[in-house]
């Protein structure tokens, strides 16, 4: 009998994860924990499963977290933004000695989570962090290359573009703003470094990327944690970058413009006798313009693509592999929620046995993930991972590959 509790379980990501877990047949109980208890109960009623239940969660309260996760076999954390809530939640899960999975894509939060490694080991807890799309699937596919396709991985460039979700919350916009304001980690020329999005160091990395089913887009530096975790586990690697954008491009430029102008400070200012927090105004204004910008771009459904370019050597010759996961009608919720659910299933079924705080490339067997995506998740009504792979050999000849051939 296994119980999984999904924190933030009725959000854009958490609701997809909850549905996938409830349909998987792995868990005897699935708990939706969310600050919006009304929405959580509505999701439970919509999914119509006797194994489903809802509890209220206040992520600002350690006591509330402890109460929500009590009796769980696995906790899946989908509460954002992770730079604010990730460390607090995982600390309580470790104290409760429960297996943990999250979708953390903030590199600064990732560093704080990794610092809890000894604490997790001492408690006998396995904690899989960053198990979404990027990070998550991207890390595991890079490991697949390192394990099975190349003798030496030299460079990894990760690109992503997505948008068009029916609803976008303030936490998502705050995450994007946070990602643009901080120094962005990259691994260049065999060394860890940082770039600034609006400085020459950041502009030097911007490029045009051709995305399957999306088209050509200008991408910019993202502070996702692959750039700090992959070099730790892939010896001899020289470069790891992460570049992306939110669709449509005009929406991304609006957010960048607000950050560039400095209208995202958290210190209140007085406006006509009222105390206003610039960040809250900026988020509200950005969200007020989103529908118009989506309409002008002709985007009327979720869409996105994750592209991973892995370069290295096989038998002394240069080889490259390009992985693409794209979709129309599926966006961030599916792209992140389905891998997160797979991580929780792998944890519950004993496929992840290492103790401590670990990124996906350190503890997820690529074939376990891919086989689960192909079988159990698809059988439950999900699409799994629509991955295409292009192999470019030493003579620059290109051919499509099948993972399961």
Protein backbone atom coordinates (compact mmCIF):
# COMPACT_ATOMS: atom_id res chain seq x y z
CA UNK A 1 0.00 0.00 0.00
CA UNK A 2 1.60 3.26 -1.11
CA UNK A 3 0.44 6.82 -0.55
CA UNK A 4 1.68 9.76 -2.60
CA UNK A 5 1.02 13.36 -1.64
CA UNK A 6 1.26 15.99 -4.38
CA UNK A 7 2.06 19.40 -2.91
CA UNK A 8 0.58 22.11 -5.12
CA UNK A 9 -1.48 19.30 -6.56
CA UNK A 10 -4.13 21.36 -8.34
CA UNK A 11 -1.83 23.83 -10.15
CA UNK A 12 -0.93 23.68 -13.83
CA UNK A 13 1.85 21.14 -13.21
CA UNK A 14 0.50 19.46 -10.10
CA UNK A 15 -2.91 18.67 -11.60
CA UNK A 16 -1.32 16.80 -14.53
CA UNK A 17 0.96 14.92 -12.13
CA UNK A 18 -2.00 14.08 -9.89
CA UNK A 19 -4.04 12.74 -12.81
CA UNK A 20 -1.10 10.65 -14.06
CA UNK A 21 -0.40 9.21 -10.62
CA UNK A 22 -4.06 8.43 -9.92
CA UNK A 23 -4.34 6.59 -13.25
CA UNK A 24 -1.05 4.69 -12.91
CA UNK A 25 -2.32 1.89 -10.69
CA UNK A 26 0.81 2.18 -8.54
CA UNK A 27 -0.62 4.07 -5.57
CA UNK A 28 -3.36 3.05 -3.17
CA UNK A 29 -3.88 6.68 -2.15
CA UNK A 30 -3.24 9.99 -3.91
CA UNK A 31 -3.51 13.16 -1.83
CA UNK A 32 -3.87 16.62 -3.39
CA UNK A 33 -2.38 19.20 -1.02
CA UNK A 34 -2.88 22.83 -1.95
CA UNK A 35 -3.43 26.24 -0.37
CA UNK A 36 -6.60 26.46 -2.47
CA UNK A 37 -8.55 23.69 -0.79
CA UNK A 38 -11.67 24.47 -2.83
CA UNK A 39 -9.78 23.92 -6.09
CA UNK A 40 -8.16 20.78 -4.66
CA UNK A 41 -11.58 19.33 -3.83
CA UNK A 42 -12.88 20.23 -7.28
CA UNK A 43 -9.95 18.38 -8.88
CA UNK A 44 -10.59 15.32 -6.71
CA UNK A 45 -14.25 15.37 -7.73
CA UNK A 46 -13.35 15.81 -11.40
CA UNK A 47 -10.94 12.86 -11.41
CA UNK A 48 -13.55 10.70 -9.65
CA UNK A 49 -11.26 8.27 -7.89
CA UNK A 50 -11.93 6.63 -4.55
CA UNK A 51 -8.19 6.73 -3.89
CA UNK A 52 -8.10 10.54 -4.19
CA UNK A 53 -8.44 13.04 -1.34
CA UNK A 54 -7.65 16.70 -0.67
CA UNK A 55 -5.92 18.50 2.19
CA UNK A 56 -5.11 22.14 2.78
CA UNK A 57 -1.45 23.18 2.60
CA UNK A 58 0.23 26.40 3.68
CA UNK A 59 3.77 26.20 2.28
CA UNK A 60 4.82 29.05 4.57
CA UNK A 61 4.06 26.89 7.61
CA UNK A 62 6.39 23.95 8.48
CA UNK A 63 3.64 22.55 10.71
CA UNK A 64 1.15 22.60 7.81
CA UNK A 65 3.66 20.86 5.55
CA UNK A 66 4.32 18.19 8.19
CA UNK A 67 0.61 17.57 8.65
CA UNK A 68 -0.10 17.38 4.90
CA UNK A 69 2.61 14.78 4.19
CA UNK A 70 2.00 12.56 7.24
CA UNK A 71 1.84 8.87 6.34
CA UNK A 72 3.08 9.33 2.78
CA UNK A 73 5.39 6.90 1.00
CA UNK A 74 6.40 9.57 -1.52
CA UNK A 75 5.99 13.34 -1.61
CA UNK A 76 5.91 15.08 -5.00
CA UNK A 77 6.52 18.80 -4.60
CA UNK A 78 5.07 21.09 -7.31
CA UNK A 79 4.87 24.25 -5.19
CA UNK A 80 6.52 27.26 -6.77
CA UNK A 81 8.42 29.42 -6.88
CA UNK A 82 11.10 27.01 -5.69
CA UNK A 83 13.57 29.71 -4.73
CA UNK A 84 11.06 30.61 -2.01
CA UNK A 85 9.50 27.29 -0.99
CA UNK A 86 11.76 24.47 -2.16
CA UNK A 87 14.27 24.28 0.73
CA UNK A 88 11.62 24.75 3.44
CA UNK A 89 9.44 21.95 2.08
CA UNK A 90 12.24 19.47 1.50
CA UNK A 91 13.61 20.09 5.00
CA UNK A 92 10.27 19.01 6.48
CA UNK A 93 10.05 15.96 4.19
CA UNK A 94 13.54 14.83 5.24
CA UNK A 95 12.61 15.30 8.90
CA UNK A 96 9.62 13.04 8.27
CA UNK A 97 11.89 10.46 6.55
CA UNK A 98 9.76 10.30 3.40
CA UNK A 99 11.00 9.80 -0.17
CA UNK A 100 10.90 13.05 -2.13
CA UNK A 101 10.57 14.22 -5.76
CA UNK A 102 10.26 17.78 -7.06
CA UNK A 103 10.32 19.86 -10.25
CA UNK A 104 12.70 22.56 -9.00
CA UNK A 105 14.14 24.55 -11.90
CA UNK A 106 15.74 27.39 -9.92
CA UNK A 107 19.50 26.93 -9.78
CA UNK A 108 19.88 28.89 -6.52
CA UNK A 109 17.25 26.71 -4.84
CA UNK A 110 18.94 23.64 -6.33
CA UNK A 111 22.21 24.58 -4.64
CA UNK A 112 20.40 24.87 -1.28
CA UNK A 113 18.70 21.50 -1.84
CA UNK A 114 22.01 19.83 -2.73
CA UNK A 115 23.46 21.21 0.51
CA UNK A 116 20.95 18.98 2.35
CA UNK A 117 22.56 15.84 0.90
CA UNK A 118 24.21 14.72 4.16
CA UNK A 119 21.01 15.43 6.08
CA UNK A 120 18.99 13.29 3.65
CA UNK A 121 21.53 10.44 3.75
CA UNK A 122 21.52 10.46 7.54
CA UNK A 123 17.71 10.20 7.50
CA UNK A 124 17.82 7.42 4.89
CA UNK A 125 15.85 9.53 2.42
CA UNK A 126 16.06 9.46 -1.37
CA UNK A 127 15.38 12.92 -2.79
CA UNK A 128 15.13 13.31 -6.57
CA UNK A 129 15.17 17.01 -7.47
CA UNK A 130 14.44 18.76 -10.76
CA UNK A 131 12.41 15.93 -12.34
CA UNK A 132 10.49 17.94 -14.92
CA UNK A 133 11.30 18.63 -18.54
CA UNK A 134 14.30 20.97 -18.20
CA UNK A 135 15.69 20.06 -15.77
CA UNK A 136 14.58 16.45 -15.68
CA UNK A 137 14.11 14.65 -18.97
CA UNK A 138 16.97 16.71 -20.40
CA UNK A 139 19.39 15.41 -17.73
CA UNK A 140 18.34 11.80 -18.21
CA UNK A 141 18.73 11.95 -22.01
CA UNK A 142 22.23 13.38 -21.59
CA UNK A 143 23.05 10.50 -19.26
CA UNK A 144 21.67 8.11 -21.90
CA UNK A 145 24.18 9.54 -24.37
CA UNK A 146 27.01 9.20 -21.86
CA UNK A 147 26.07 5.63 -20.93
CA UNK A 148 25.12 4.17 -24.30
CA UNK A 149 25.98 6.33 -27.31
CA UNK A 150 29.24 8.20 -26.74
CA UNK A 151 32.59 7.38 -25.19
CA UNK A 152 33.01 11.00 -24.07
CA UNK A 153 30.48 13.82 -23.88
CA UNK A 154 32.12 17.13 -24.75
CA UNK A 155 29.24 19.63 -24.89
CA UNK A 156 25.55 19.85 -23.98
CA UNK A 157 23.34 22.68 -25.20
CA UNK A 158 19.74 22.66 -23.92
CA UNK A 159 17.07 24.79 -25.61
CA UNK A 160 13.40 25.21 -24.72
CA UNK A 161 10.41 27.25 -25.87
CA UNK A 162 6.87 26.92 -24.56
CA UNK A 163 3.71 28.91 -23.94
CA UNK A 164 0.03 29.24 -24.64
CA UNK A 165 -1.24 27.54 -21.48
CA UNK A 166 -4.88 28.37 -20.78
CA UNK A 167 -3.99 29.91 -17.44
CA UNK A 168 -0.74 31.33 -16.11
CA UNK A 169 -0.32 32.14 -12.43
CA UNK A 170 1.59 34.87 -10.64
CA UNK A 171 4.10 32.34 -9.27
CA UNK A 172 5.16 31.41 -12.83
CA UNK A 173 5.70 35.05 -13.79
CA UNK A 174 7.62 35.71 -10.57
CA UNK A 175 9.83 32.73 -11.38
CA UNK A 176 10.58 34.19 -14.81
CA UNK A 177 11.35 37.61 -13.36
CA UNK A 178 13.62 36.04 -10.73
CA UNK A 179 15.41 34.10 -13.48
CA UNK A 180 16.12 37.30 -15.39
CA UNK A 181 17.38 39.32 -12.42
CA UNK A 182 20.00 36.93 -11.08
CA UNK A 183 23.39 35.96 -12.47
CA UNK A 184 22.91 32.95 -14.73
CA UNK A 185 25.20 29.92 -14.27
CA UNK A 186 26.87 28.41 -17.33
CA UNK A 187 29.68 25.89 -17.78
CA UNK A 188 31.99 27.22 -20.49
CA UNK A 189 35.48 26.09 -21.52
CA UNK A 190 35.51 23.52 -18.73
CA UNK A 191 34.76 26.06 -15.98
CA UNK A 192 31.76 27.25 -14.00
CA UNK A 193 30.93 30.89 -14.67
CA UNK A 194 27.95 33.24 -14.64
CA UNK A 195 26.48 35.62 -17.19
CA UNK A 196 24.02 38.50 -16.88
CA UNK A 197 21.03 38.47 -19.21
CA UNK A 198 21.28 42.18 -20.02
CA UNK A 199 25.09 42.46 -20.10
CA UNK A 200 27.49 41.55 -22.89
CA UNK A 201 28.17 38.18 -21.25
CA UNK A 202 24.50 37.23 -21.60
CA UNK A 203 24.00 38.73 -25.05
CA UNK A 204 26.99 36.73 -26.32
CA UNK A 205 25.08 33.49 -25.70
CA UNK A 206 21.84 34.51 -27.43
CA UNK A 207 21.12 32.64 -30.65
CA UNK A 208 18.46 31.61 -33.12
CA UNK A 209 17.22 28.08 -32.52
CA UNK A 210 15.03 25.99 -34.83
CA UNK A 211 12.43 24.14 -32.77
CA UNK A 212 10.43 21.19 -34.07
CA UNK A 213 6.73 22.15 -34.52
CA UNK A 214 7.41 25.65 -33.16
CA UNK A 215 9.79 27.26 -35.65
CA UNK A 216 12.79 29.54 -35.29
CA UNK A 217 13.05 31.58 -32.09
CA UNK A 218 15.62 33.81 -30.42
CA UNK A 219 16.63 32.19 -27.13
CA UNK A 220 18.47 33.66 -24.15
CA UNK A 221 20.20 32.40 -21.04
CA UNK A 222 18.11 30.59 -18.42
CA UNK A 223 19.37 29.84 -14.89
CA UNK A 224 18.29 26.21 -14.96
CA UNK A 225 20.33 23.80 -12.82
CA UNK A 226 21.57 21.43 -15.55
CA UNK A 227 24.54 23.77 -15.98
CA UNK A 228 25.61 23.16 -12.36
CA UNK A 229 24.70 19.47 -11.98
CA UNK A 230 25.70 17.83 -15.28
CA UNK A 231 29.40 18.82 -15.03
CA UNK A 232 29.53 17.17 -11.59
CA UNK A 233 28.51 13.81 -13.03
CA UNK A 234 30.03 13.88 -16.53
CA UNK A 235 33.81 13.87 -16.28
CA UNK A 236 35.70 15.67 -19.03
CA UNK A 237 32.76 17.73 -20.28
CA UNK A 238 33.71 21.19 -21.57
CA UNK A 239 30.40 23.03 -22.03
CA UNK A 240 26.84 22.99 -20.66
CA UNK A 241 24.40 25.77 -21.55
CA UNK A 242 20.68 26.33 -21.10
CA UNK A 243 18.82 28.80 -23.34
CA UNK A 244 15.11 29.35 -23.82
CA UNK A 245 12.13 31.66 -23.96
CA UNK A 246 8.42 31.81 -23.21
CA UNK A 247 6.02 32.07 -26.14
CA UNK A 248 4.99 34.25 -27.80
CA UNK A 249 8.29 36.16 -28.15
CA UNK A 250 6.48 39.48 -27.55
CA UNK A 251 5.37 38.17 -24.13
CA UNK A 252 8.96 37.25 -23.27
CA UNK A 253 10.09 40.71 -24.36
CA UNK A 254 7.43 42.35 -22.16
CA UNK A 255 8.73 40.51 -19.10
CA UNK A 256 12.34 41.31 -20.02
CA UNK A 257 11.41 44.96 -20.50
CA UNK A 258 9.83 45.22 -17.04
CA UNK A 259 12.96 43.71 -15.48
CA UNK A 260 15.29 45.90 -17.55
CA UNK A 261 13.43 49.02 -16.43
CA UNK A 262 13.67 48.01 -12.78
CA UNK A 263 9.91 47.76 -12.18
CA UNK A 264 10.28 44.48 -10.29
CA UNK A 265 11.61 45.61 -6.92
CA UNK A 266 10.01 44.18 -3.78
CA UNK A 267 10.44 47.33 -1.68
CA UNK A 268 7.12 49.22 -1.43
CA UNK A 269 6.81 52.71 -2.89
CA UNK A 270 4.10 55.27 -2.28
CA UNK A 271 1.71 56.04 -5.13
CA UNK A 272 -0.98 58.64 -4.44
CA UNK A 273 -1.01 57.80 -0.77
CA UNK A 274 -0.97 54.02 -1.26
CA UNK A 275 1.94 51.64 -0.65
CA UNK A 276 2.59 49.67 -3.83
CA UNK A 277 5.08 46.83 -4.30
CA UNK A 278 6.54 47.28 -7.82
CA UNK A 279 6.93 43.52 -8.31
CA UNK A 280 3.23 42.89 -7.63
CA UNK A 281 2.27 45.66 -10.07
CA UNK A 282 4.63 44.28 -12.71
CA UNK A 283 3.21 40.75 -12.39
CA UNK A 284 -0.38 42.01 -12.55
CA UNK A 285 0.38 44.15 -15.61
CA UNK A 286 2.23 41.34 -17.41
CA UNK A 287 -0.68 38.95 -16.84
CA UNK A 288 -3.18 41.59 -17.99
CA UNK A 289 -1.40 41.75 -21.37
CA UNK A 290 -0.90 38.03 -21.88
CA UNK A 291 -4.21 37.21 -23.60
CA UNK A 292 -3.77 40.08 -26.08
CA UNK A 293 -0.22 39.02 -26.97
CA UNK A 294 -1.23 35.37 -27.41
CA UNK A 295 -4.07 36.42 -29.72
CA UNK A 296 -1.83 38.69 -31.78
CA UNK A 297 0.64 35.81 -32.19
CA UNK A 298 -2.11 33.39 -33.24
CA UNK A 299 -1.41 31.04 -30.34
CA UNK A 300 -4.68 29.49 -29.18
CA UNK A 301 -3.41 26.32 -27.51
CA UNK A 302 -0.43 25.19 -25.43
CA UNK A 303 2.70 24.42 -27.42
CA UNK A 304 6.36 23.90 -26.79
CA UNK A 305 9.57 22.10 -27.57
CA UNK A 306 12.58 20.90 -25.62
CA UNK A 307 15.73 20.39 -27.67
CA UNK A 308 18.96 18.86 -26.36
CA UNK A 309 22.12 18.85 -28.47
CA UNK A 310 24.81 16.48 -27.16
CA UNK A 311 28.23 16.48 -28.80
CA UNK A 312 31.11 14.15 -28.12
CA UNK A 313 33.31 11.34 -29.34
CA UNK A 314 32.76 7.70 -30.28
CA UNK A 315 35.78 5.57 -31.20
CA UNK A 316 37.79 8.78 -31.49
CA UNK A 317 35.37 10.40 -33.97
CA UNK A 318 33.07 13.36 -33.43
CA UNK A 319 29.38 12.50 -33.15
CA UNK A 320 26.29 14.51 -32.21
CA UNK A 321 22.81 13.57 -31.02
CA UNK A 322 19.85 15.94 -31.14
CA UNK A 323 16.81 15.08 -29.02
CA UNK A 324 13.53 16.94 -29.58
CA UNK A 325 10.32 16.71 -27.57
CA UNK A 326 7.61 18.90 -29.03
CA UNK A 327 3.86 19.19 -28.81
CA UNK A 328 0.82 21.21 -29.71
CA UNK A 329 -2.08 21.02 -27.31
CA UNK A 330 0.32 20.23 -24.48
CA UNK A 331 2.34 22.83 -22.63
CA UNK A 332 4.27 23.33 -19.41
CA UNK A 333 1.75 21.35 -17.36
CA UNK A 334 2.16 18.15 -19.37
CA UNK A 335 5.84 18.71 -20.15
CA UNK A 336 6.67 19.02 -16.46
CA UNK A 337 3.86 17.14 -14.73
CA UNK A 338 4.23 13.84 -16.59
CA UNK A 339 8.00 13.47 -15.94
CA UNK A 340 7.40 14.46 -12.31
CA UNK A 341 4.80 11.71 -11.97
CA UNK A 342 7.20 9.24 -13.57
CA UNK A 343 9.82 10.24 -11.00
CA UNK A 344 7.36 9.55 -8.18
CA UNK A 345 6.43 6.17 -9.70
CA UNK A 346 10.10 5.20 -10.06
CA UNK A 347 10.65 6.18 -6.44
CA UNK A 348 7.63 4.20 -5.20
CA UNK A 349 8.54 1.08 -7.18
CA UNK A 350 12.12 0.87 -5.91
CA UNK A 351 13.84 1.98 -9.10
CA UNK A 352 15.64 4.76 -7.24
CA UNK A 353 17.65 3.35 -4.36
CA UNK A 354 20.41 5.92 -3.80
CA UNK A 355 20.10 7.94 -0.61
CA UNK A 356 20.71 11.66 -0.47
CA UNK A 357 19.74 14.65 -2.63
CA UNK A 358 20.26 13.78 -6.27
CA UNK A 359 19.59 15.36 -9.69
CA UNK A 360 18.00 13.11 -12.34
CA UNK A 361 21.27 12.19 -14.09
CA UNK A 362 22.61 10.80 -10.81
CA UNK A 363 19.85 8.33 -9.97
CA UNK A 364 17.32 7.80 -12.82
CA UNK A 365 18.06 4.94 -15.19
CA UNK A 366 17.26 6.30 -18.67
CA UNK A 367 15.64 3.09 -19.89
CA UNK A 368 13.47 2.86 -16.75
CA UNK A 369 12.15 6.37 -17.44
CA UNK A 370 11.60 5.82 -21.15
CA UNK A 371 9.97 2.42 -20.73
CA UNK A 372 7.62 3.79 -18.09
CA UNK A 373 6.70 6.71 -20.37
CA UNK A 374 6.00 4.30 -23.20
CA UNK A 375 3.92 1.80 -21.24
CA UNK A 376 2.27 2.73 -17.97
CA UNK A 377 1.83 6.46 -18.65
CA UNK A 378 0.45 5.88 -22.16
CA UNK A 379 -1.84 3.15 -20.87
CA UNK A 380 -3.20 5.64 -18.34
CA UNK A 381 -4.18 8.00 -21.15
CA UNK A 382 -1.03 10.13 -21.31
CA UNK A 383 1.04 10.66 -24.43
CA UNK A 384 4.31 9.70 -22.78
CA UNK A 385 7.32 11.40 -24.33
CA UNK A 386 7.10 12.07 -28.10
CA UNK A 387 10.91 12.05 -28.56
CA UNK A 388 12.66 12.29 -31.91
CA UNK A 389 16.40 11.63 -32.14
CA UNK A 390 18.77 12.72 -34.87
CA UNK A 391 22.27 11.24 -35.07
CA UNK A 392 24.96 13.22 -36.90
CA UNK A 393 28.06 11.12 -37.55
CA UNK A 394 31.71 12.04 -38.17
CA UNK A 395 30.96 12.66 -41.85
CA UNK A 396 28.06 15.04 -40.98
CA UNK A 397 25.54 12.48 -42.23
CA UNK A 398 22.23 12.67 -40.40
CA UNK A 399 19.69 9.94 -39.64
CA UNK A 400 16.71 9.45 -37.35
CA UNK A 401 16.94 6.94 -34.52
CA UNK A 402 14.43 4.87 -32.54
CA UNK A 403 15.19 4.48 -28.84
CA UNK A 404 13.53 1.08 -28.69
CA UNK A 405 14.78 -0.45 -31.93
